[in-house]
Amino acid sequence: MTQLIRNSLLLLFTEECLDEYFDDLNFFHVGCFKSTLSKVLGLGIISGSLLVKIPQIVKILRNKSAEGINVFSVLLDLFAITAMVSYSFISGFPFSSWGDGVFLGLQTLAIAVLVIHFNGNTTHATAFLICYLAILLAIISELTPINFLWTCQALNIPIVLISKLIQAYTNYTNGNTGQLSAATGFLLFFGSLARIFTSIEETGDMTMIIMYICSTTANAIIVAQILYYWNMDTNSKSIIKKDQ
């Protein structure tokens, strides 16, 4: 029972911090405070990631439309998430530092399949799903060299920026954010912002840290557009009502 409790506590504390807090009763250890905060944030992000893109999926299904969603941007996003999760898994990083990627990846995959499907290519959507799952199986079975995964992770830095900027450009040219979900946009922004801190504390991997800085910046642009076009729509509706 004692060992079970200790293993459970390791979800929140490192071995060193367990000793500092429970053996030495040193509750003001700065390093342990930062480490524990990082783990709590990480687990919170993972919990939030279970539903972060569900509003987007529901919106697509409810409207039976993927209007305004750039499929190339979604596919780049899926590549970035898959590369990050695979690299972190093979590198042995703590699950709290990358676990949200598992759930974000599944939801992004669902969005990609739905976008392709509602664009009139159901056969392509099915083929894409099968190919993706086959590639993922090859990665998690450790058939892919770690150097290749590191390269993919390094490529995430420009890919994350490009994928979001493509969507931002699509929003700009359309003059609206289409079927983009505001809830999903805000959750992604705050999640990537918190991930900067957890990556510094739990991995120390510069490629991951820079990737999340870029992701936060790009997500901020999307959120700004959502707010801008939301306010424009509200103002337009107000003007129409006054004219009537």
C-alpha atoms as a PDB file:
ATOM      1  CA  MET A   1       0.000   0.000   0.000  1.00  0.00           C
ATOM      2  CA  THR A   2       2.850   2.373   0.845  1.00  0.00           C
ATOM      3  CA  GLN A   3       4.474   1.708  -2.514  1.00  0.00           C
ATOM      4  CA  LEU A   4       1.163   2.309  -4.290  1.00  0.00           C
ATOM      5  CA  ILE A   5       0.759   5.666  -2.569  1.00  0.00           C
ATOM      6  CA  ARG A   6       4.350   6.596  -3.425  1.00  0.00           C
ATOM      7  CA  ASN A   7       3.829   5.663  -7.083  1.00  0.00           C
ATOM      8  CA  SER A   8       0.693   7.784  -7.149  1.00  0.00           C
ATOM      9  CA  LEU A   9       2.553  10.743  -5.667  1.00  0.00           C
ATOM     10  CA  LEU A  10       5.193  10.421  -8.388  1.00  0.00           C
ATOM     11  CA  LEU A  11       2.547  11.702 -10.796  1.00  0.00           C
ATOM     12  CA  LEU A  12       2.912  15.077  -9.057  1.00  0.00           C
ATOM     13  CA  PHE A  13       6.380  14.971  -7.480  1.00  0.00           C
ATOM     14  CA  THR A  14       9.823  13.803  -8.538  1.00  0.00           C
ATOM     15  CA  GLU A  15      11.763  11.382  -6.310  1.00  0.00           C
ATOM     16  CA  GLU A  16      13.889  14.282  -5.075  1.00  0.00           C
ATOM     17  CA  CYS A  17      10.843  16.385  -4.227  1.00  0.00           C
ATOM     18  CA  LEU A  18       9.154  13.507  -2.413  1.00  0.00           C
ATOM     19  CA  ASP A  19      12.179  13.373  -0.126  1.00  0.00           C
ATOM     20  CA  GLU A  20      12.256  17.168   0.255  1.00  0.00           C
ATOM     21  CA  TYR A  21       8.564  17.448   1.116  1.00  0.00           C
ATOM     22  CA  PHE A  22       7.822  14.299   3.103  1.00  0.00           C
ATOM     23  CA  ASP A  23      11.171  13.316   4.613  1.00  0.00           C
ATOM     24  CA  ASP A  24      12.882  16.682   5.195  1.00  0.00           C
ATOM     25  CA  LEU A  25       9.594  18.652   5.462  1.00  0.00           C
ATOM     26  CA  ASN A  26      11.166  21.330   3.286  1.00  0.00           C
ATOM     27  CA  PHE A  27       8.009  22.851   1.780  1.00  0.00           C
ATOM     28  CA  PHE A  28       9.764  25.972   0.489  1.00  0.00           C
ATOM     29  CA  HIS A  29      12.176  24.283  -1.936  1.00  0.00           C
ATOM     30  CA  VAL A  30      12.079  26.530  -5.019  1.00  0.00           C
ATOM     31  CA  GLY A  31      13.190  23.852  -7.477  1.00  0.00           C
ATOM     32  CA  CYS A  32      10.556  21.414  -6.223  1.00  0.00           C
ATOM     33  CA  PHE A  33       7.862  24.084  -6.324  1.00  0.00           C
ATOM     34  CA  LYS A  34       8.606  24.747 -10.006  1.00  0.00           C
ATOM     35  CA  SER A  35       8.804  21.039 -10.777  1.00  0.00           C
ATOM     36  CA  THR A  36       5.513  20.291  -9.014  1.00  0.00           C
ATOM     37  CA  LEU A  37       3.798  23.261 -10.657  1.00  0.00           C
ATOM     38  CA  SER A  38       4.986  21.979 -14.029  1.00  0.00           C
ATOM     39  CA  LYS A  39       3.562  18.507 -13.384  1.00  0.00           C
ATOM     40  CA  VAL A  40       0.230  19.918 -12.156  1.00  0.00           C
ATOM     41  CA  LEU A  41       0.019  22.129 -15.244  1.00  0.00           C
ATOM     42  CA  GLY A  42       0.960  19.185 -17.449  1.00  0.00           C
ATOM     43  CA  LEU A  43      -1.741  16.951 -15.992  1.00  0.00           C
ATOM     44  CA  GLY A  44      -4.229  19.823 -16.244  1.00  0.00           C
ATOM     45  CA  ILE A  45      -3.366  20.311 -19.916  1.00  0.00           C
ATOM     46  CA  ILE A  46      -3.757  16.577 -20.542  1.00  0.00           C
ATOM     47  CA  SER A  47      -7.184  16.636 -18.873  1.00  0.00           C
ATOM     48  CA  GLY A  48      -8.211  19.636 -20.944  1.00  0.00           C
ATOM     49  CA  SER A  49      -6.913  18.032 -24.149  1.00  0.00           C
ATOM     50  CA  LEU A  50      -9.528  15.302 -23.827  1.00  0.00           C
ATOM     51  CA  LEU A  51     -12.131  17.802 -25.036  1.00  0.00           C
ATOM     52  CA  VAL A  52     -10.160  20.692 -26.558  1.00  0.00           C
ATOM     53  CA  LYS A  53     -11.068  19.987 -30.204  1.00  0.00           C
ATOM     54  CA  ILE A  54     -14.438  18.365 -29.551  1.00  0.00           C
ATOM     55  CA  PRO A  55     -16.271  21.713 -30.082  1.00  0.00           C
ATOM     56  CA  GLN A  56     -14.621  21.900 -33.521  1.00  0.00           C
ATOM     57  CA  ILE A  57     -15.641  18.318 -34.381  1.00  0.00           C
ATOM     58  CA  VAL A  58     -19.206  18.888 -33.160  1.00  0.00           C
ATOM     59  CA  LYS A  59     -19.477  22.107 -35.173  1.00  0.00           C
ATOM     60  CA  ILE A  60     -18.413  20.336 -38.372  1.00  0.00           C
ATOM     61  CA  LEU A  61     -20.811  17.417 -37.785  1.00  0.00           C
ATOM     62  CA  ARG A  62     -23.729  19.656 -36.818  1.00  0.00           C
ATOM     63  CA  ASN A  63     -23.371  21.848 -39.900  1.00  0.00           C
ATOM     64  CA  LYS A  64     -22.272  18.970 -42.155  1.00  0.00           C
ATOM     65  CA  SER A  65     -19.691  21.373 -43.516  1.00  0.00           C
ATOM     66  CA  ALA A  66     -15.967  22.054 -43.275  1.00  0.00           C
ATOM     67  CA  GLU A  67     -16.266  25.506 -44.816  1.00  0.00           C
ATOM     68  CA  GLY A  68     -13.400  27.829 -43.935  1.00  0.00           C
ATOM     69  CA  ILE A  69     -11.152  25.036 -42.610  1.00  0.00           C
ATOM     70  CA  ASN A  70      -7.964  24.665 -44.625  1.00  0.00           C
ATOM     71  CA  VAL A  71      -7.282  20.926 -45.006  1.00  0.00           C
ATOM     72  CA  PHE A  72      -3.560  21.475 -45.666  1.00  0.00           C
ATOM     73  CA  SER A  73      -3.286  23.395 -42.396  1.00  0.00           C
ATOM     74  CA  VAL A  74      -5.005  20.534 -40.531  1.00  0.00           C
ATOM     75  CA  LEU A  75      -2.666  17.951 -42.076  1.00  0.00           C
ATOM     76  CA  LEU A  76       0.413  19.982 -41.141  1.00  0.00           C
ATOM     77  CA  ASP A  77      -0.952  20.289 -37.608  1.00  0.00           C
ATOM     78  CA  LEU A  78      -1.455  16.522 -37.469  1.00  0.00           C
ATOM     79  CA  PHE A  79       2.108  15.926 -38.659  1.00  0.00           C
ATOM     80  CA  ALA A  80       3.464  18.299 -35.994  1.00  0.00           C
ATOM     81  CA  ILE A  81       1.508  16.609 -33.187  1.00  0.00           C
ATOM     82  CA  THR A  82       2.449  13.103 -34.355  1.00  0.00           C
ATOM     83  CA  ALA A  83       6.143  14.002 -34.625  1.00  0.00           C
ATOM     84  CA  MET A  84       6.137  15.605 -31.167  1.00  0.00           C
ATOM     85  CA  VAL A  85       4.415  12.643 -29.480  1.00  0.00           C
ATOM     86  CA  SER A  86       6.608  10.071 -31.233  1.00  0.00           C
ATOM     87  CA  TYR A  87       9.832  11.926 -30.424  1.00  0.00           C
ATOM     88  CA  SER A  88       8.816  12.433 -26.775  1.00  0.00           C
ATOM     89  CA  PHE A  89       7.732   8.810 -26.373  1.00  0.00           C
ATOM     90  CA  ILE A  90      10.953   7.376 -27.819  1.00  0.00           C
ATOM     91  CA  SER A  91      13.060   9.899 -25.850  1.00  0.00           C
ATOM     92  CA  GLY A  92      11.442   8.788 -22.574  1.00  0.00           C
ATOM     93  CA  PHE A  93      10.173  12.235 -21.544  1.00  0.00           C
ATOM     94  CA  PRO A  94       7.604  12.296 -18.681  1.00  0.00           C
ATOM     95  CA  PHE A  95       4.048  11.649 -19.901  1.00  0.00           C
ATOM     96  CA  SER A  96       2.936  14.873 -18.213  1.00  0.00           C
ATOM     97  CA  SER A  97       5.092  16.819 -20.691  1.00  0.00           C
ATOM     98  CA  TRP A  98       3.530  15.421 -23.865  1.00  0.00           C
ATOM     99  CA  GLY A  99       0.448  13.314 -23.023  1.00  0.00           C
ATOM    100  CA  ASP A 100      -1.962  15.943 -24.318  1.00  0.00           C
ATOM    101  CA  GLY A 101      -0.507  15.326 -27.776  1.00  0.00           C
ATOM    102  CA  VAL A 102      -2.051  11.844 -27.803  1.00  0.00           C
ATOM    103  CA  PHE A 103      -5.581  13.202 -27.402  1.00  0.00           C
ATOM    104  CA  LEU A 104      -4.968  16.252 -29.594  1.00  0.00           C
ATOM    105  CA  GLY A 105      -3.638  13.922 -32.281  1.00  0.00           C
ATOM    106  CA  LEU A 106      -6.731  11.707 -32.204  1.00  0.00           C
ATOM    107  CA  GLN A 107      -9.034  14.723 -32.412  1.00  0.00           C
ATOM    108  CA  THR A 108      -6.978  16.365 -35.174  1.00  0.00           C
ATOM    109  CA  LEU A 109      -7.083  13.090 -37.091  1.00  0.00           C
ATOM    110  CA  ALA A 110     -10.884  13.089 -36.763  1.00  0.00           C
ATOM    111  CA  ILE A 111     -11.033  16.678 -38.041  1.00  0.00           C
ATOM    112  CA  ALA A 112      -8.777  15.839 -41.008  1.00  0.00           C
ATOM    113  CA  VAL A 113     -10.959  12.860 -41.969  1.00  0.00           C
ATOM    114  CA  LEU A 114     -14.151  14.932 -41.606  1.00  0.00           C
ATOM    115  CA  VAL A 115     -12.777  17.821 -43.659  1.00  0.00           C
ATOM    116  CA  ILE A 116     -11.752  15.480 -46.487  1.00  0.00           C
ATOM    117  CA  HIS A 117     -15.110  13.678 -46.252  1.00  0.00           C
ATOM    118  CA  PHE A 118     -17.252  16.831 -46.349  1.00  0.00           C
ATOM    119  CA  ASN A 119     -15.181  18.147 -49.243  1.00  0.00           C
ATOM    120  CA  GLY A 120     -16.678  15.256 -51.214  1.00  0.00           C
ATOM    121  CA  ASN A 121     -13.833  12.732 -51.004  1.00  0.00           C
ATOM    122  CA  THR A 122     -15.037   9.948 -48.708  1.00  0.00           C
ATOM    123  CA  THR A 123     -12.788   7.374 -50.395  1.00  0.00           C
ATOM    124  CA  HIS A 124      -9.756   9.617 -49.930  1.00  0.00           C
ATOM    125  CA  ALA A 125     -10.726  10.160 -46.285  1.00  0.00           C
ATOM    126  CA  THR A 126     -10.850   6.404 -45.650  1.00  0.00           C
ATOM    127  CA  ALA A 127      -7.544   5.798 -47.442  1.00  0.00           C
ATOM    128  CA  PHE A 128      -5.905   8.613 -45.494  1.00  0.00           C
ATOM    129  CA  LEU A 129      -7.086   7.172 -42.164  1.00  0.00           C
ATOM    130  CA  ILE A 130      -5.701   3.708 -43.006  1.00  0.00           C
ATOM    131  CA  CYS A 131      -2.330   5.099 -44.155  1.00  0.00           C
ATOM    132  CA  TYR A 132      -1.978   7.289 -41.071  1.00  0.00           C
ATOM    133  CA  LEU A 133      -2.685   4.424 -38.674  1.00  0.00           C
ATOM    134  CA  ALA A 134      -0.161   2.204 -40.510  1.00  0.00           C
ATOM    135  CA  ILE A 135       2.546   4.888 -40.214  1.00  0.00           C
ATOM    136  CA  LEU A 136       1.728   5.454 -36.542  1.00  0.00           C
ATOM    137  CA  LEU A 137       2.008   1.711 -35.859  1.00  0.00           C
ATOM    138  CA  ALA A 138       5.452   1.670 -37.461  1.00  0.00           C
ATOM    139  CA  ILE A 139       6.572   4.551 -35.257  1.00  0.00           C
ATOM    140  CA  ILE A 140       5.359   3.246 -31.892  1.00  0.00           C
ATOM    141  CA  SER A 141       6.762  -0.215 -32.630  1.00  0.00           C
ATOM    142  CA  GLU A 142      10.199   1.497 -32.623  1.00  0.00           C
ATOM    143  CA  LEU A 143      10.930   0.658 -36.268  1.00  0.00           C
ATOM    144  CA  THR A 144      11.694   4.331 -36.939  1.00  0.00           C
ATOM    145  CA  PRO A 145      15.229   5.592 -36.030  1.00  0.00           C
ATOM    146  CA  ILE A 146      15.390   8.210 -33.265  1.00  0.00           C
ATOM    147  CA  ASN A 147      17.468  10.510 -35.521  1.00  0.00           C
ATOM    148  CA  PHE A 148      14.627  10.586 -38.041  1.00  0.00           C
ATOM    149  CA  LEU A 149      12.132  11.437 -35.290  1.00  0.00           C
ATOM    150  CA  TRP A 150      14.419  14.224 -34.033  1.00  0.00           C
ATOM    151  CA  THR A 151      14.536  15.654 -37.563  1.00  0.00           C
ATOM    152  CA  CYS A 152      10.739  15.561 -37.774  1.00  0.00           C
ATOM    153  CA  GLN A 153      10.541  17.267 -34.382  1.00  0.00           C
ATOM    154  CA  ALA A 154      12.947  19.979 -35.545  1.00  0.00           C
ATOM    155  CA  LEU A 155      10.798  20.472 -38.670  1.00  0.00           C
ATOM    156  CA  ASN A 156       7.845  21.111 -36.372  1.00  0.00           C
ATOM    157  CA  ILE A 157       9.089  24.636 -35.685  1.00  0.00           C
ATOM    158  CA  PRO A 158       8.447  25.970 -39.226  1.00  0.00           C
ATOM    159  CA  ILE A 159       5.545  23.532 -39.783  1.00  0.00           C
ATOM    160  CA  VAL A 160       3.600  24.787 -36.754  1.00  0.00           C
ATOM    161  CA  LEU A 161       3.997  28.366 -37.955  1.00  0.00           C
ATOM    162  CA  ILE A 162       3.124  27.538 -41.568  1.00  0.00           C
ATOM    163  CA  SER A 163       0.037  25.482 -40.662  1.00  0.00           C
ATOM    164  CA  LYS A 164      -1.431  28.234 -38.483  1.00  0.00           C
ATOM    165  CA  LEU A 165      -0.502  31.037 -40.863  1.00  0.00           C
ATOM    166  CA  ILE A 166      -2.187  29.180 -43.738  1.00  0.00           C
ATOM    167  CA  GLN A 167      -5.368  29.005 -41.671  1.00  0.00           C
ATOM    168  CA  ALA A 168      -4.968  32.673 -40.717  1.00  0.00           C
ATOM    169  CA  TYR A 169      -4.615  33.605 -44.403  1.00  0.00           C
ATOM    170  CA  THR A 170      -7.707  31.541 -45.248  1.00  0.00           C
ATOM    171  CA  ASN A 171      -9.634  33.423 -42.558  1.00  0.00           C
ATOM    172  CA  TYR A 172      -8.385  36.736 -43.951  1.00  0.00           C
ATOM    173  CA  THR A 173      -9.314  35.970 -47.568  1.00  0.00           C
ATOM    174  CA  ASN A 174     -12.741  34.645 -46.529  1.00  0.00           C
ATOM    175  CA  GLY A 175     -13.398  37.613 -44.276  1.00  0.00           C
ATOM    176  CA  ASN A 176     -14.566  35.262 -41.521  1.00  0.00           C
ATOM    177  CA  THR A 177     -13.445  32.232 -39.501  1.00  0.00           C
ATOM    178  CA  GLY A 178     -16.007  29.861 -41.017  1.00  0.00           C
ATOM    179  CA  GLN A 179     -16.498  26.660 -39.025  1.00  0.00           C
ATOM    180  CA  LEU A 180     -13.579  27.369 -36.678  1.00  0.00           C
ATOM    181  CA  SER A 181     -14.567  26.926 -33.029  1.00  0.00           C
ATOM    182  CA  ALA A 182     -13.802  29.825 -30.680  1.00  0.00           C
ATOM    183  CA  ALA A 183     -13.600  27.466 -27.685  1.00  0.00           C
ATOM    184  CA  THR A 184     -11.050  25.278 -29.448  1.00  0.00           C
ATOM    185  CA  GLY A 185      -8.986  28.295 -30.497  1.00  0.00           C
ATOM    186  CA  PHE A 186      -8.758  29.696 -26.955  1.00  0.00           C
ATOM    187  CA  LEU A 187      -7.997  26.291 -25.385  1.00  0.00           C
ATOM    188  CA  LEU A 188      -5.193  25.655 -27.879  1.00  0.00           C
ATOM    189  CA  PHE A 189      -3.687  29.077 -27.173  1.00  0.00           C
ATOM    190  CA  PHE A 190      -3.647  28.709 -23.389  1.00  0.00           C
ATOM    191  CA  GLY A 191      -2.511  25.087 -23.629  1.00  0.00           C
ATOM    192  CA  SER A 192       0.498  25.909 -25.815  1.00  0.00           C
ATOM    193  CA  LEU A 193       1.339  28.866 -23.565  1.00  0.00           C
ATOM    194  CA  ALA A 194       1.461  26.607 -20.482  1.00  0.00           C
ATOM    195  CA  ARG A 195       3.484  24.036 -22.433  1.00  0.00           C
ATOM    196  CA  ILE A 196       6.382  26.490 -22.771  1.00  0.00           C
ATOM    197  CA  PHE A 197       6.864  26.329 -19.004  1.00  0.00           C
ATOM    198  CA  THR A 198       6.353  22.558 -18.683  1.00  0.00           C
ATOM    199  CA  SER A 199       8.786  21.863 -21.544  1.00  0.00           C
ATOM    200  CA  ILE A 200      11.464  23.986 -19.878  1.00  0.00           C
ATOM    201  CA  GLU A 201      10.960  22.253 -16.523  1.00  0.00           C
ATOM    202  CA  GLU A 202      10.435  18.636 -17.591  1.00  0.00           C
ATOM    203  CA  THR A 203      12.382  18.119 -20.818  1.00  0.00           C
ATOM    204  CA  GLY A 204      14.893  20.947 -21.270  1.00  0.00           C
ATOM    205  CA  ASP A 205      14.653  20.115 -24.991  1.00  0.00           C
ATOM    206  CA  MET A 206      15.168  23.327 -26.985  1.00  0.00           C
ATOM    207  CA  THR A 207      13.351  22.064 -30.078  1.00  0.00           C
ATOM    208  CA  MET A 208      10.204  21.444 -28.011  1.00  0.00           C
ATOM    209  CA  ILE A 209      10.513  24.776 -26.186  1.00  0.00           C
ATOM    210  CA  ILE A 210      10.932  26.754 -29.418  1.00  0.00           C
ATOM    211  CA  MET A 211       8.112  24.788 -31.049  1.00  0.00           C
ATOM    212  CA  TYR A 212       5.686  25.741 -28.264  1.00  0.00           C
ATOM    213  CA  ILE A 213       6.788  29.388 -28.397  1.00  0.00           C
ATOM    214  CA  CYS A 214       6.024  29.388 -32.129  1.00  0.00           C
ATOM    215  CA  SER A 215       2.751  27.516 -31.550  1.00  0.00           C
ATOM    216  CA  THR A 216       1.647  30.031 -28.918  1.00  0.00           C
ATOM    217  CA  THR A 217       2.434  32.953 -31.216  1.00  0.00           C
ATOM    218  CA  ALA A 218       0.552  31.378 -34.127  1.00  0.00           C
ATOM    219  CA  ASN A 219      -2.422  30.407 -31.945  1.00  0.00           C
ATOM    220  CA  ALA A 220      -2.554  33.991 -30.682  1.00  0.00           C
ATOM    221  CA  ILE A 221      -3.015  35.177 -34.285  1.00  0.00           C
ATOM    222  CA  ILE A 222      -5.933  32.765 -34.804  1.00  0.00           C
ATOM    223  CA  VAL A 223      -7.531  33.837 -31.505  1.00  0.00           C
ATOM    224  CA  ALA A 224      -7.143  37.505 -32.489  1.00  0.00           C
ATOM    225  CA  GLN A 225      -8.902  36.782 -35.792  1.00  0.00           C
ATOM    226  CA  ILE A 226     -11.728  34.921 -34.029  1.00  0.00           C
ATOM    227  CA  LEU A 227     -12.270  37.939 -31.761  1.00  0.00           C
ATOM    228  CA  TYR A 228     -11.982  40.408 -34.644  1.00  0.00           C
ATOM    229  CA  TYR A 229     -14.447  38.677 -36.958  1.00  0.00           C
ATOM    230  CA  TRP A 230     -16.739  37.878 -34.031  1.00  0.00           C
ATOM    231  CA  ASN A 231     -16.943  41.582 -33.204  1.00  0.00           C
ATOM    232  CA  MET A 232     -17.452  42.430 -36.891  1.00  0.00           C
ATOM    233  CA  ASP A 233     -20.367  39.974 -37.135  1.00  0.00           C
ATOM    234  CA  THR A 234     -21.904  41.394 -33.966  1.00  0.00           C
ATOM    235  CA  ASN A 235     -21.590  44.953 -35.254  1.00  0.00           C
ATOM    236  CA  SER A 236     -23.042  43.972 -38.640  1.00  0.00           C
ATOM    237  CA  LYS A 237     -26.057  42.371 -37.008  1.00  0.00           C
ATOM    238  CA  SER A 238     -26.594  45.495 -34.886  1.00  0.00           C
ATOM    239  CA  ILE A 239     -26.520  47.729 -37.979  1.00  0.00           C
ATOM    240  CA  ILE A 240     -29.006  45.486 -39.807  1.00  0.00           C
ATOM    241  CA  LYS A 241     -31.414  45.604 -36.856  1.00  0.00           C
ATOM    242  CA  LYS A 242     -31.199  49.408 -36.730  1.00  0.00           C
ATOM    243  CA  ASP A 243     -31.909  49.660 -40.474  1.00  0.00           C
ATOM    244  CA  GLN A 244     -34.969  47.477 -40.069  1.00  0.00           C
END
